[in-house]
PDB file of N, CA and C in Angstrom:
ATOM      1  N   UNK A   1     115.516  89.865 112.098  1.00  0.00           N
ATOM      2  CA  UNK A   1     114.529  91.495 112.287  1.00  0.00           C
ATOM      3  C   UNK A   1     113.593  91.453 111.594  1.00  0.00           C
ATOM      4  N   UNK A   2     112.435  91.815 112.215  1.00  0.00           N
ATOM      5  CA  UNK A   2     111.136  91.408 111.828  1.00  0.00           C
ATOM      6  C   UNK A   2     110.686  92.559 111.275  1.00  0.00           C
ATOM      7  N   UNK A   3     109.867  92.897 110.009  1.00  0.00           N
ATOM      8  CA  UNK A   3     109.344  93.910 109.212  1.00  0.00           C
ATOM      9  C   UNK A   3     107.597  94.117 109.015  1.00  0.00           C
ATOM     10  N   UNK A   4     107.468  94.984 108.931  1.00  0.00           N
ATOM     11  CA  UNK A   4     106.380  95.390 108.584  1.00  0.00           C
ATOM     12  C   UNK A   4     106.274  96.187 107.150  1.00  0.00           C
ATOM     13  N   UNK A   5     105.785  95.298 105.836  1.00  0.00           N
ATOM     14  CA  UNK A   5     105.440  95.809 104.934  1.00  0.00           C
ATOM     15  C   UNK A   5     104.152  97.194 104.644  1.00  0.00           C
ATOM     16  N   UNK A   6     104.007  98.362 104.255  1.00  0.00           N
ATOM     17  CA  UNK A   6     103.085  98.815 103.689  1.00  0.00           C
ATOM     18  C   UNK A   6     103.073  99.639 102.632  1.00  0.00           C
ATOM     19  N   UNK A   7     101.942  99.067 101.935  1.00  0.00           N
ATOM     20  CA  UNK A   7     101.404  99.474 100.490  1.00  0.00           C
ATOM     21  C   UNK A   7     100.311 100.260 100.556  1.00  0.00           C
ATOM     22  N   UNK A   8     100.691 102.082 100.871  1.00  0.00           N
ATOM     23  CA  UNK A   8      99.677 103.052 100.893  1.00  0.00           C
ATOM     24  C   UNK A   8      98.816 103.209 100.095  1.00  0.00           C
ATOM     25  N   UNK A   9      97.610 103.589  99.847  1.00  0.00           N
ATOM     26  CA  UNK A   9      96.580 104.046  99.271  1.00  0.00           C
ATOM     27  C   UNK A   9      95.631 104.916  99.645  1.00  0.00           C
ATOM     28  N   UNK A  10      94.641 106.018  98.567  1.00  0.00           N
ATOM     29  CA  UNK A  10      93.697 106.976  99.452  1.00  0.00           C
ATOM     30  C   UNK A  10      92.974 106.278 100.161  1.00  0.00           C
ATOM     31  N   UNK A  11      92.441 105.217  99.990  1.00  0.00           N
ATOM     32  CA  UNK A  11      91.351 104.501 100.559  1.00  0.00           C
ATOM     33  C   UNK A  11      91.631 103.105 101.374  1.00  0.00           C
ATOM     34  N   UNK A  12      92.789 102.258 100.717  1.00  0.00           N
ATOM     35  CA  UNK A  12      93.066 101.254 101.916  1.00  0.00           C
ATOM     36  C   UNK A  12      94.663 101.206 101.869  1.00  0.00           C
ATOM     37  N   UNK A  13      94.711 100.424 102.917  1.00  0.00           N
ATOM     38  CA  UNK A  13      96.533 100.185 103.198  1.00  0.00           C
ATOM     39  C   UNK A  13      96.213  99.122 104.008  1.00  0.00           C
ATOM     40  N   UNK A  14      97.170  98.196 102.614  1.00  0.00           N
ATOM     41  CA  UNK A  14      97.631  96.969 102.718  1.00  0.00           C
ATOM     42  C   UNK A  14      98.984  96.935 103.524  1.00  0.00           C
ATOM     43  N   UNK A  15      98.858  95.712 104.553  1.00  0.00           N
ATOM     44  CA  UNK A  15     100.028  95.106 105.535  1.00  0.00           C
ATOM     45  C   UNK A  15     100.629  94.384 104.971  1.00  0.00           C
ATOM     46  N   UNK A  16     101.958  93.584 105.464  1.00  0.00           N
ATOM     47  CA  UNK A  16     102.614  92.675 105.247  1.00  0.00           C
ATOM     48  C   UNK A  16     103.436  92.952 106.570  1.00  0.00           C
ATOM     49  N   UNK A  17     103.703  91.097 106.624  1.00  0.00           N
ATOM     50  CA  UNK A  17     105.029  91.028 108.020  1.00  0.00           C
ATOM     51  C   UNK A  17     106.148  90.193 107.632  1.00  0.00           C
ATOM     52  N   UNK A  18     107.187  90.213 107.808  1.00  0.00           N
ATOM     53  CA  UNK A  18     107.898  89.100 107.826  1.00  0.00           C
ATOM     54  C   UNK A  18     107.757  88.249 109.186  1.00  0.00           C
ATOM     55  N   UNK A  19     108.497  87.464 108.500  1.00  0.00           N
ATOM     56  CA  UNK A  19     109.055  85.776 109.531  1.00  0.00           C
ATOM     57  C   UNK A  19     110.088  86.771 110.423  1.00  0.00           C
ATOM     58  N   UNK A  20     110.046  86.039 111.316  1.00  0.00           N
ATOM     59  CA  UNK A  20     111.069  86.930 112.435  1.00  0.00           C
ATOM     60  C   UNK A  20     112.977  87.102 111.921  1.00  0.00           C
ATOM     61  N   UNK A  21     113.129  85.995 110.595  1.00  0.00           N
ATOM     62  CA  UNK A  21     114.522  86.394 110.420  1.00  0.00           C
ATOM     63  C   UNK A  21     114.600  87.265 109.361  1.00  0.00           C
ATOM     64  N   UNK A  22     113.790  88.039 108.842  1.00  0.00           N
ATOM     65  CA  UNK A  22     113.547  89.330 107.819  1.00  0.00           C
ATOM     66  C   UNK A  22     113.764  88.606 106.533  1.00  0.00           C
ATOM     67  N   UNK A  23     113.403  87.316 106.156  1.00  0.00           N
ATOM     68  CA  UNK A  23     113.551  86.483 104.593  1.00  0.00           C
ATOM     69  C   UNK A  23     112.443  86.753 104.113  1.00  0.00           C
ATOM     70  N   UNK A  24     111.310  86.318 104.476  1.00  0.00           N
ATOM     71  CA  UNK A  24     109.978  86.018 103.864  1.00  0.00           C
ATOM     72  C   UNK A  24     108.755  87.079 104.634  1.00  0.00           C
ATOM     73  N   UNK A  25     108.306  87.633 103.404  1.00  0.00           N
ATOM     74  CA  UNK A  25     106.953  88.446 103.663  1.00  0.00           C
ATOM     75  C   UNK A  25     105.982  87.727 103.031  1.00  0.00           C
ATOM     76  N   UNK A  26     104.965  87.997 104.520  1.00  0.00           N
ATOM     77  CA  UNK A  26     103.241  87.487 104.013  1.00  0.00           C
ATOM     78  C   UNK A  26     102.529  88.562 104.279  1.00  0.00           C
ATOM     79  N   UNK A  27     101.650  88.722 103.611  1.00  0.00           N
ATOM     80  CA  UNK A  27     100.264  89.590 103.295  1.00  0.00           C
ATOM     81  C   UNK A  27      99.659  89.559 104.625  1.00  0.00           C
ATOM     82  N   UNK A  28      98.918  90.083 105.523  1.00  0.00           N
ATOM     83  CA  UNK A  28      98.828  90.189 106.833  1.00  0.00           C
ATOM     84  C   UNK A  28      97.145  90.428 106.837  1.00  0.00           C
ATOM     85  N   UNK A  29      96.971  91.835 106.314  1.00  0.00           N
ATOM     86  CA  UNK A  29      95.541  92.369 106.294  1.00  0.00           C
ATOM     87  C   UNK A  29      95.496  93.674 105.779  1.00  0.00           C
ATOM     88  N   UNK A  30      94.384  94.444 105.240  1.00  0.00           N
ATOM     89  CA  UNK A  30      94.124  95.830 105.073  1.00  0.00           C
ATOM     90  C   UNK A  30      93.257  96.369 105.939  1.00  0.00           C
ATOM     91  N   UNK A  31      93.948  97.825 106.343  1.00  0.00           N
ATOM     92  CA  UNK A  31      93.268  98.809 106.801  1.00  0.00           C
ATOM     93  C   UNK A  31      92.371  99.901 106.204  1.00  0.00           C
ATOM     94  N   UNK A  32      91.388 100.664 106.430  1.00  0.00           N
ATOM     95  CA  UNK A  32      91.096 101.515 106.017  1.00  0.00           C
ATOM     96  C   UNK A  32      91.948 102.891 106.356  1.00  0.00           C
ATOM     97  N   UNK A  33      91.749 103.499 105.073  1.00  0.00           N
ATOM     98  CA  UNK A  33      92.887 104.763 105.063  1.00  0.00           C
ATOM     99  C   UNK A  33      92.015 105.972 106.056  1.00  0.00           C
ATOM    100  N   UNK A  34      91.907 105.745 106.929  1.00  0.00           N
ATOM    101  CA  UNK A  34      91.207 106.611 108.269  1.00  0.00           C
ATOM    102  C   UNK A  34      91.883 107.418 109.489  1.00  0.00           C
ATOM    103  N   UNK A  35      91.026 108.544 110.099  1.00  0.00           N
ATOM    104  CA  UNK A  35      91.942 108.622 111.248  1.00  0.00           C
ATOM    105  C   UNK A  35      92.383 107.642 112.041  1.00  0.00           C
ATOM    106  N   UNK A  36      92.048 106.735 112.343  1.00  0.00           N
ATOM    107  CA  UNK A  36      92.679 105.347 112.936  1.00  0.00           C
ATOM    108  C   UNK A  36      94.073 104.934 112.508  1.00  0.00           C
ATOM    109  N   UNK A  37      94.583 105.093 111.526  1.00  0.00           N
ATOM    110  CA  UNK A  37      95.574 104.177 110.675  1.00  0.00           C
ATOM    111  C   UNK A  37      96.900 104.470 111.371  1.00  0.00           C
ATOM    112  N   UNK A  38      97.350 105.469 111.975  1.00  0.00           N
ATOM    113  CA  UNK A  38      98.653 105.348 112.603  1.00  0.00           C
ATOM    114  C   UNK A  38      98.468 104.630 113.478  1.00  0.00           C
ATOM    115  N   UNK A  39      97.440 105.080 114.693  1.00  0.00           N
ATOM    116  CA  UNK A  39      97.224 103.786 116.266  1.00  0.00           C
ATOM    117  C   UNK A  39      97.420 102.954 116.022  1.00  0.00           C
ATOM    118  N   UNK A  40      96.425 101.830 114.773  1.00  0.00           N
ATOM    119  CA  UNK A  40      96.712 100.657 114.579  1.00  0.00           C
ATOM    120  C   UNK A  40      97.599 100.278 114.016  1.00  0.00           C
ATOM    121  N   UNK A  41      98.121 101.093 112.948  1.00  0.00           N
ATOM    122  CA  UNK A  41     100.042 100.867 113.063  1.00  0.00           C
ATOM    123  C   UNK A  41     100.790 100.475 114.024  1.00  0.00           C
ATOM    124  N   UNK A  42     100.861 101.737 114.884  1.00  0.00           N
ATOM    125  CA  UNK A  42     101.607 102.065 116.209  1.00  0.00           C
ATOM    126  C   UNK A  42     101.397 100.621 116.732  1.00  0.00           C
ATOM    127  N   UNK A  43     100.295 100.166 116.777  1.00  0.00           N
ATOM    128  CA  UNK A  43     100.008  98.867 117.782  1.00  0.00           C
ATOM    129  C   UNK A  43     100.271  98.090 117.682  1.00  0.00           C
ATOM    130  N   UNK A  44     100.046  97.402 115.854  1.00  0.00           N
ATOM    131  CA  UNK A  44     100.975  96.148 115.129  1.00  0.00           C
ATOM    132  C   UNK A  44     102.003  96.520 115.439  1.00  0.00           C
ATOM    133  N   UNK A  45     102.784  97.355 114.819  1.00  0.00           N
ATOM    134  CA  UNK A  45     104.099  97.320 115.238  1.00  0.00           C
ATOM    135  C   UNK A  45     104.625  96.585 116.854  1.00  0.00           C
ATOM    136  N   UNK A  46     103.965  97.440 117.762  1.00  0.00           N
ATOM    137  CA  UNK A  46     104.272  96.553 119.488  1.00  0.00           C
ATOM    138  C   UNK A  46     103.856  95.510 119.159  1.00  0.00           C
ATOM    139  N   UNK A  47     103.045  94.912 118.870  1.00  0.00           N
ATOM    140  CA  UNK A  47     102.401  93.633 119.109  1.00  0.00           C
ATOM    141  C   UNK A  47     102.820  92.574 118.409  1.00  0.00           C
ATOM    142  N   UNK A  48     103.626  92.968 117.012  1.00  0.00           N
ATOM    143  CA  UNK A  48     104.125  91.779 116.471  1.00  0.00           C
ATOM    144  C   UNK A  48     105.907  91.942 116.739  1.00  0.00           C
ATOM    145  N   UNK A  49     106.431  93.234 117.390  1.00  0.00           N
ATOM    146  CA  UNK A  49     107.922  93.402 117.499  1.00  0.00           C
ATOM    147  C   UNK A  49     108.521  93.650 116.625  1.00  0.00           C
ATOM    148  N   UNK A  50     107.916  94.290 115.748  1.00  0.00           N
ATOM    149  CA  UNK A  50     108.457  95.030 114.455  1.00  0.00           C
ATOM    150  C   UNK A  50     109.705  95.944 114.847  1.00  0.00           C
ATOM    151  N   UNK A  51     110.870  95.476 113.838  1.00  0.00           N
ATOM    152  CA  UNK A  51     111.654  96.270 114.440  1.00  0.00           C
ATOM    153  C   UNK A  51     111.937  97.742 112.963  1.00  0.00           C
ATOM    154  N   UNK A  52     111.600  97.610 112.312  1.00  0.00           N
ATOM    155  CA  UNK A  52     111.491  98.282 110.904  1.00  0.00           C
ATOM    156  C   UNK A  52     110.292  98.468 110.458  1.00  0.00           C
ATOM    157  N   UNK A  53     110.216  99.627 109.541  1.00  0.00           N
ATOM    158  CA  UNK A  53     108.614  99.683 108.685  1.00  0.00           C
ATOM    159  C   UNK A  53     109.226 100.202 107.031  1.00  0.00           C
ATOM    160  N   UNK A  54     108.677  99.275 106.288  1.00  0.00           N
ATOM    161  CA  UNK A  54     108.885  99.640 104.723  1.00  0.00           C
ATOM    162  C   UNK A  54     107.842 100.049 104.117  1.00  0.00           C
ATOM    163  N   UNK A  55     107.921 101.103 103.501  1.00  0.00           N
ATOM    164  CA  UNK A  55     106.854 101.525 102.601  1.00  0.00           C
ATOM    165  C   UNK A  55     107.048 102.184 101.529  1.00  0.00           C
ATOM    166  N   UNK A  56     105.942 101.515 100.828  1.00  0.00           N
ATOM    167  CA  UNK A  56     106.259 101.476  99.286  1.00  0.00           C
ATOM    168  C   UNK A  56     106.591 103.037  98.808  1.00  0.00           C
ATOM    169  N   UNK A  57     106.655 103.590  97.795  1.00  0.00           N
ATOM    170  CA  UNK A  57     106.836 104.305  97.563  1.00  0.00           C
ATOM    171  C   UNK A  57     106.470 105.183  96.100  1.00  0.00           C
ATOM    172  N   UNK A  58     105.184 105.575  96.153  1.00  0.00           N
ATOM    173  CA  UNK A  58     104.037 105.467  94.954  1.00  0.00           C
ATOM    174  C   UNK A  58     104.599 106.177  93.633  1.00  0.00           C
ATOM    175  N   UNK A  59     106.000 106.750  93.369  1.00  0.00           N
ATOM    176  CA  UNK A  59     106.271 107.857  92.307  1.00  0.00           C
ATOM    177  C   UNK A  59     105.991 106.203  91.096  1.00  0.00           C
ATOM    178  N   UNK A  60     105.588 107.341  90.236  1.00  0.00           N
ATOM    179  CA  UNK A  60     105.225 106.240  88.960  1.00  0.00           C
ATOM    180  C   UNK A  60     106.819 105.961  87.972  1.00  0.00           C
ATOM    181  N   UNK A  61     106.657 105.447  87.217  1.00  0.00           N
ATOM    182  CA  UNK A  61     107.530 105.285  86.382  1.00  0.00           C
ATOM    183  C   UNK A  61     108.214 106.617  85.759  1.00  0.00           C
ATOM    184  N   UNK A  62     109.452 106.091  86.016  1.00  0.00           N
ATOM    185  CA  UNK A  62     110.490 107.554  85.685  1.00  0.00           C
ATOM    186  C   UNK A  62     110.761 108.326  87.233  1.00  0.00           C
ATOM    187  N   UNK A  63     110.217 108.088  88.150  1.00  0.00           N
ATOM    188  CA  UNK A  63     110.087 108.480  89.371  1.00  0.00           C
ATOM    189  C   UNK A  63     109.302 109.834  89.668  1.00  0.00           C
ATOM    190  N   UNK A  64     108.106 110.011  88.685  1.00  0.00           N
ATOM    191  CA  UNK A  64     107.364 111.042  88.951  1.00  0.00           C
ATOM    192  C   UNK A  64     106.455 111.257  89.638  1.00  0.00           C
ATOM    193  N   UNK A  65     106.159 112.069  90.313  1.00  0.00           N
ATOM    194  CA  UNK A  65     105.070 112.031  91.639  1.00  0.00           C
ATOM    195  C   UNK A  65     103.465 111.652  90.340  1.00  0.00           C
ATOM    196  N   UNK A  66     102.502 111.499  91.434  1.00  0.00           N
ATOM    197  CA  UNK A  66     101.555 111.085  91.045  1.00  0.00           C
ATOM    198  C   UNK A  66     100.332 111.289  92.019  1.00  0.00           C
ATOM    199  N   UNK A  67      98.799 111.491  91.767  1.00  0.00           N
ATOM    200  CA  UNK A  67      98.400 112.342  92.530  1.00  0.00           C
ATOM    201  C   UNK A  67      98.205 111.512  93.947  1.00  0.00           C
ATOM    202  N   UNK A  68      99.001 110.482  94.350  1.00  0.00           N
ATOM    203  CA  UNK A  68      99.038 110.228  95.689  1.00  0.00           C
ATOM    204  C   UNK A  68     100.151 110.253  96.276  1.00  0.00           C
ATOM    205  N   UNK A  69     101.355 110.669  95.589  1.00  0.00           N
ATOM    206  CA  UNK A  69     102.193 110.940  96.442  1.00  0.00           C
ATOM    207  C   UNK A  69     102.503 111.984  97.242  1.00  0.00           C
ATOM    208  N   UNK A  70     102.127 113.185  97.403  1.00  0.00           N
ATOM    209  CA  UNK A  70     101.977 114.235  98.052  1.00  0.00           C
ATOM    210  C   UNK A  70     101.618 113.769  99.699  1.00  0.00           C
ATOM    211  N   UNK A  71     100.327 112.580  99.334  1.00  0.00           N
ATOM    212  CA  UNK A  71      99.649 112.331 100.461  1.00  0.00           C
ATOM    213  C   UNK A  71     100.643 111.378 101.163  1.00  0.00           C
ATOM    214  N   UNK A  72     100.694 110.237 100.257  1.00  0.00           N
ATOM    215  CA  UNK A  72     101.584 109.278 100.954  1.00  0.00           C
ATOM    216  C   UNK A  72     103.091 109.642 101.475  1.00  0.00           C
ATOM    217  N   UNK A  73     103.680 110.824 101.245  1.00  0.00           N
ATOM    218  CA  UNK A  73     104.644 111.523 101.884  1.00  0.00           C
ATOM    219  C   UNK A  73     104.189 112.012 103.312  1.00  0.00           C
ATOM    220  N   UNK A  74     103.287 112.250 103.349  1.00  0.00           N
ATOM    221  CA  UNK A  74     102.598 113.031 104.474  1.00  0.00           C
ATOM    222  C   UNK A  74     102.412 111.858 105.256  1.00  0.00           C
ATOM    223  N   UNK A  75     101.689 110.794 104.695  1.00  0.00           N
ATOM    224  CA  UNK A  75     101.631 109.644 105.399  1.00  0.00           C
ATOM    225  C   UNK A  75     103.053 109.215 106.425  1.00  0.00           C
ATOM    226  N   UNK A  76     104.200 108.921 105.801  1.00  0.00           N
ATOM    227  CA  UNK A  76     105.009 108.609 105.771  1.00  0.00           C
ATOM    228  C   UNK A  76     105.957 109.429 107.323  1.00  0.00           C
ATOM    229  N   UNK A  77     105.782 110.847 106.821  1.00  0.00           N
ATOM    230  CA  UNK A  77     106.092 111.897 108.203  1.00  0.00           C
ATOM    231  C   UNK A  77     105.404 111.698 109.851  1.00  0.00           C
ATOM    232  N   UNK A  78     104.242 111.514 109.490  1.00  0.00           N
ATOM    233  CA  UNK A  78     102.866 111.416 110.499  1.00  0.00           C
ATOM    234  C   UNK A  78     103.619 109.931 110.986  1.00  0.00           C
ATOM    235  N   UNK A  79     103.459 108.760 110.339  1.00  0.00           N
ATOM    236  CA  UNK A  79     104.374 107.540 110.844  1.00  0.00           C
ATOM    237  C   UNK A  79     105.448 107.595 111.368  1.00  0.00           C
ATOM    238  N   UNK A  80     106.228 108.165 111.097  1.00  0.00           N
ATOM    239  CA  UNK A  80     107.494 108.716 111.531  1.00  0.00           C
ATOM    240  C   UNK A  80     107.303 109.111 112.798  1.00  0.00           C
ATOM    241  N   UNK A  81     106.025 109.917 113.407  1.00  0.00           N
ATOM    242  CA  UNK A  81     106.220 110.854 114.425  1.00  0.00           C
ATOM    243  C   UNK A  81     105.623 109.609 114.836  1.00  0.00           C
ATOM    244  N   UNK A  82     104.617 108.487 115.011  1.00  0.00           N
ATOM    245  CA  UNK A  82     104.064 107.735 115.896  1.00  0.00           C
ATOM    246  C   UNK A  82     105.026 106.852 116.257  1.00  0.00           C
ATOM    247  N   UNK A  83     105.579 105.964 115.682  1.00  0.00           N
ATOM    248  CA  UNK A  83     106.519 104.660 115.787  1.00  0.00           C
ATOM    249  C   UNK A  83     107.791 104.973 116.065  1.00  0.00           C
ATOM    250  N   UNK A  84     108.106 104.221 117.050  1.00  0.00           N
ATOM    251  CA  UNK A  84     109.336 104.292 117.657  1.00  0.00           C
ATOM    252  C   UNK A  84     110.083 103.204 116.863  1.00  0.00           C
ATOM    253  N   UNK A  85     110.447 102.526 115.531  1.00  0.00           N
ATOM    254  CA  UNK A  85     111.253 102.463 114.580  1.00  0.00           C
ATOM    255  C   UNK A  85     111.322 103.042 113.732  1.00  0.00           C
ATOM    256  N   UNK A  86     112.245 102.696 112.415  1.00  0.00           N
ATOM    257  CA  UNK A  86     112.993 103.282 111.661  1.00  0.00           C
ATOM    258  C   UNK A  86     112.173 102.801 110.141  1.00  0.00           C
ATOM    259  N   UNK A  87     111.525 103.970 109.731  1.00  0.00           N
ATOM    260  CA  UNK A  87     110.361 103.891 108.402  1.00  0.00           C
ATOM    261  C   UNK A  87     111.494 104.392 107.230  1.00  0.00           C
ATOM    262  N   UNK A  88     111.381 102.807 106.177  1.00  0.00           N
ATOM    263  CA  UNK A  88     112.305 103.149 105.305  1.00  0.00           C
ATOM    264  C   UNK A  88     110.834 103.465 103.744  1.00  0.00           C
ATOM    265  N   UNK A  89     111.504 103.438 102.864  1.00  0.00           N
ATOM    266  CA  UNK A  89     110.723 103.768 101.648  1.00  0.00           C
ATOM    267  C   UNK A  89     111.400 102.988 100.521  1.00  0.00           C
ATOM    268  N   UNK A  90     110.738 101.952  99.960  1.00  0.00           N
ATOM    269  CA  UNK A  90     110.695 101.127  98.516  1.00  0.00           C
ATOM    270  C   UNK A  90     110.320 101.491  97.386  1.00  0.00           C
ATOM    271  N   UNK A  91     110.756 101.612  96.306  1.00  0.00           N
ATOM    272  CA  UNK A  91     110.057 101.595  94.691  1.00  0.00           C
ATOM    273  C   UNK A  91     108.748 100.657  94.469  1.00  0.00           C
ATOM    274  N   UNK A  92     107.784 100.761  94.359  1.00  0.00           N
ATOM    275  CA  UNK A  92     106.685  99.880  94.319  1.00  0.00           C
ATOM    276  C   UNK A  92     106.092  99.956  93.133  1.00  0.00           C
ATOM    277  N   UNK A  93     106.858 100.174  92.146  1.00  0.00           N
ATOM    278  CA  UNK A  93     106.146 100.037  90.646  1.00  0.00           C
ATOM    279  C   UNK A  93     106.089  98.834  90.332  1.00  0.00           C
ATOM    280  N   UNK A  94     104.675  98.732  90.120  1.00  0.00           N
ATOM    281  CA  UNK A  94     103.528  97.079  89.603  1.00  0.00           C
ATOM    282  C   UNK A  94     103.593  96.456  90.901  1.00  0.00           C
ATOM    283  N   UNK A  95     103.823  96.868  92.305  1.00  0.00           N
ATOM    284  CA  UNK A  95     103.624  95.548  93.072  1.00  0.00           C
ATOM    285  C   UNK A  95     101.852  95.151  92.855  1.00  0.00           C
ATOM    286  N   UNK A  96     101.387  96.156  92.579  1.00  0.00           N
ATOM    287  CA  UNK A  96     100.047  95.718  92.846  1.00  0.00           C
ATOM    288  C   UNK A  96      99.532  94.741  91.675  1.00  0.00           C
ATOM    289  N   UNK A  97     100.099  95.089  90.267  1.00  0.00           N
ATOM    290  CA  UNK A  97      99.857  94.152  89.107  1.00  0.00           C
ATOM    291  C   UNK A  97     100.316  92.987  89.723  1.00  0.00           C
ATOM    292  N   UNK A  98     101.824  92.773  90.124  1.00  0.00           N
ATOM    293  CA  UNK A  98     102.120  91.234  90.495  1.00  0.00           C
ATOM    294  C   UNK A  98     101.410  90.674  91.441  1.00  0.00           C
ATOM    295  N   UNK A  99     101.063  91.187  92.864  1.00  0.00           N
ATOM    296  CA  UNK A  99      99.779  90.556  93.244  1.00  0.00           C
ATOM    297  C   UNK A  99      98.770  90.423  92.962  1.00  0.00           C
ATOM    298  N   UNK A 100      98.382  90.747  92.282  1.00  0.00           N
ATOM    299  CA  UNK A 100      97.230  90.667  91.758  1.00  0.00           C
ATOM    300  C   UNK A 100      97.042  88.800  91.294  1.00  0.00           C
ATOM    301  N   UNK A 101      98.270  88.746  90.546  1.00  0.00           N
ATOM    302  CA  UNK A 101      98.480  87.114  90.430  1.00  0.00           C
ATOM    303  C   UNK A 101      98.124  86.075  91.361  1.00  0.00           C
ATOM    304  N   UNK A 102      98.783  87.070  92.254  1.00  0.00           N
ATOM    305  CA  UNK A 102      98.432  85.669  93.770  1.00  0.00           C
ATOM    306  C   UNK A 102      97.256  85.917  94.583  1.00  0.00           C
ATOM    307  N   UNK A 103      96.353  87.069  94.730  1.00  0.00           N
ATOM    308  CA  UNK A 103      95.427  87.252  95.037  1.00  0.00           C
ATOM    309  C   UNK A 103      93.990  87.458  94.628  1.00  0.00           C
ATOM    310  N   UNK A 104      93.626  86.395  94.468  1.00  0.00           N
ATOM    311  CA  UNK A 104      92.026  86.439  93.239  1.00  0.00           C
ATOM    312  C   UNK A 104      90.803  86.440  94.305  1.00  0.00           C
ATOM    313  N   UNK A 105      91.139  86.268  95.703  1.00  0.00           N
ATOM    314  CA  UNK A 105      89.823  86.923  96.278  1.00  0.00           C
ATOM    315  C   UNK A 105      89.330  87.971  95.935  1.00  0.00           C
ATOM    316  N   UNK A 106      90.006  89.492  95.815  1.00  0.00           N
ATOM    317  CA  UNK A 106      89.422  90.689  96.125  1.00  0.00           C
ATOM    318  C   UNK A 106      90.620  91.688  96.075  1.00  0.00           C
ATOM    319  N   UNK A 107      90.146  92.899  96.034  1.00  0.00           N
ATOM    320  CA  UNK A 107      90.682  93.541  96.345  1.00  0.00           C
ATOM    321  C   UNK A 107      91.269  94.193  97.379  1.00  0.00           C
ATOM    322  N   UNK A 108      90.978  93.646  98.436  1.00  0.00           N
ATOM    323  CA  UNK A 108      91.799  94.081 100.083  1.00  0.00           C
ATOM    324  C   UNK A 108      92.704  93.066  99.893  1.00  0.00           C
ATOM    325  N   UNK A 109      92.536  92.075  99.403  1.00  0.00           N
ATOM    326  CA  UNK A 109      93.610  91.269  99.260  1.00  0.00           C
ATOM    327  C   UNK A 109      94.896  91.144  98.559  1.00  0.00           C
ATOM    328  N   UNK A 110      94.308  91.843  97.054  1.00  0.00           N
ATOM    329  CA  UNK A 110      95.506  92.297  96.801  1.00  0.00           C
ATOM    330  C   UNK A 110      96.295  93.673  97.341  1.00  0.00           C
ATOM    331  N   UNK A 111      95.546  94.153  98.071  1.00  0.00           N
ATOM    332  CA  UNK A 111      96.637  95.530  98.967  1.00  0.00           C
ATOM    333  C   UNK A 111      97.316  95.281  99.833  1.00  0.00           C
ATOM    334  N   UNK A 112      96.743  93.790 100.143  1.00  0.00           N
ATOM    335  CA  UNK A 112      97.772  93.014 101.571  1.00  0.00           C
ATOM    336  C   UNK A 112      98.653  92.258 100.787  1.00  0.00           C
ATOM    337  N   UNK A 113      98.795  91.986  99.765  1.00  0.00           N
ATOM    338  CA  UNK A 113      99.575  90.701  98.875  1.00  0.00           C
ATOM    339  C   UNK A 113     100.420  91.946  97.720  1.00  0.00           C
ATOM    340  N   UNK A 114     100.234  92.938  97.701  1.00  0.00           N
ATOM    341  CA  UNK A 114     101.234  93.855  97.147  1.00  0.00           C
ATOM    342  C   UNK A 114     102.012  94.175  98.272  1.00  0.00           C
ATOM    343  N   UNK A 115     101.597  94.369  99.769  1.00  0.00           N
ATOM    344  CA  UNK A 115     102.305  95.137 100.859  1.00  0.00           C
ATOM    345  C   UNK A 115     103.394  93.919 101.181  1.00  0.00           C
ATOM    346  N   UNK A 116     102.941  92.919 100.550  1.00  0.00           N
ATOM    347  CA  UNK A 116     104.074  91.590 100.687  1.00  0.00           C
ATOM    348  C   UNK A 116     105.171  91.626  99.989  1.00  0.00           C
ATOM    349  N   UNK A 117     104.846  92.112  98.352  1.00  0.00           N
ATOM    350  CA  UNK A 117     105.413  92.389  97.146  1.00  0.00           C
ATOM    351  C   UNK A 117     106.372  93.151  97.792  1.00  0.00           C
ATOM    352  N   UNK A 118     106.198  94.844  98.220  1.00  0.00           N
ATOM    353  CA  UNK A 118     106.984  95.595  98.451  1.00  0.00           C
ATOM    354  C   UNK A 118     107.945  95.034  99.673  1.00  0.00           C
ATOM    355  N   UNK A 119     107.630  94.502 100.563  1.00  0.00           N
ATOM    356  CA  UNK A 119     108.329  94.237 101.801  1.00  0.00           C
ATOM    357  C   UNK A 119     109.533  92.975 101.127  1.00  0.00           C
ATOM    358  N   UNK A 120     108.849  92.181 100.442  1.00  0.00           N
ATOM    359  CA  UNK A 120     109.569  90.884  99.810  1.00  0.00           C
ATOM    360  C   UNK A 120     110.773  91.489  98.883  1.00  0.00           C
ATOM    361  N   UNK A 121     110.173  92.256  97.965  1.00  0.00           N
ATOM    362  CA  UNK A 121     111.372  93.307  97.334  1.00  0.00           C
ATOM    363  C   UNK A 121     112.763  93.901  98.300  1.00  0.00           C
ATOM    364  N   UNK A 122     111.981  94.272  99.433  1.00  0.00           N
ATOM    365  CA  UNK A 122     112.936  95.196 100.232  1.00  0.00           C
ATOM    366  C   UNK A 122     114.172  93.933 101.031  1.00  0.00           C
ATOM    367  N   UNK A 123     113.314  92.754 101.214  1.00  0.00           N
ATOM    368  CA  UNK A 123     114.380  91.950 102.115  1.00  0.00           C
ATOM    369  C   UNK A 123     115.083  91.070 101.075  1.00  0.00           C
ATOM    370  N   UNK A 124     115.063  90.916 100.061  1.00  0.00           N
ATOM    371  CA  UNK A 124     115.765  90.281  98.515  1.00  0.00           C
ATOM    372  C   UNK A 124     116.814  91.460  98.971  1.00  0.00           C
ATOM    373  N   UNK A 125     116.852  92.641  98.701  1.00  0.00           N
ATOM    374  CA  UNK A 125     117.757  93.904  98.227  1.00  0.00           C
ATOM    375  C   UNK A 125     118.193  93.778  99.573  1.00  0.00           C
ATOM    376  N   UNK A 126     117.855  93.847 100.751  1.00  0.00           N
ATOM    377  CA  UNK A 126     119.086  93.699 101.668  1.00  0.00           C
ATOM    378  C   UNK A 126     119.802  92.498 101.927  1.00  0.00           C
ATOM    379  N   UNK A 127     118.956  90.904 101.348  1.00  0.00           N
ATOM    380  CA  UNK A 127     120.049  89.427 101.802  1.00  0.00           C
ATOM    381  C   UNK A 127     121.340  89.927 100.129  1.00  0.00           C
ATOM    382  N   UNK A 128     121.126  90.713  99.183  1.00  0.00           N
ATOM    383  CA  UNK A 128     121.993  90.485  98.329  1.00  0.00           C
ATOM    384  C   UNK A 128     122.964  91.920  98.158  1.00  0.00           C
ATOM    385  N   UNK A 129     122.495  92.842  99.392  1.00  0.00           N
ATOM    386  CA  UNK A 129     123.563  93.984  99.384  1.00  0.00           C
ATOM    387  C   UNK A 129     124.866  93.230 100.074  1.00  0.00           C
TER     388      UNK A 129
END
């Protein structure tokens, strides 16, 4: 099963894709968070034969909402209406910090790497469940 991972941000959205077996997540790209985002994600979902999408839950430590939470929830709702695959949420706490260790090239690479961290956590949880 192939997955798409998303690290949602107010300005940029990091994208990761799993291998066909759904075991390993790879950073893919970063999209600007603009009016074309949903259509780009729908196209990528079709092109890559994605079977489910995993979006990082932006809540802070302790599960508290932060300034991006409402916007991220609206994004997930819109995404669910745009794509024909399930959209799941996973907690993304510290994913960007973890990703910055592996993506020294710059902020855009951090976003895609954070998406890979989020997706890999999801894949690992599925395997051990």
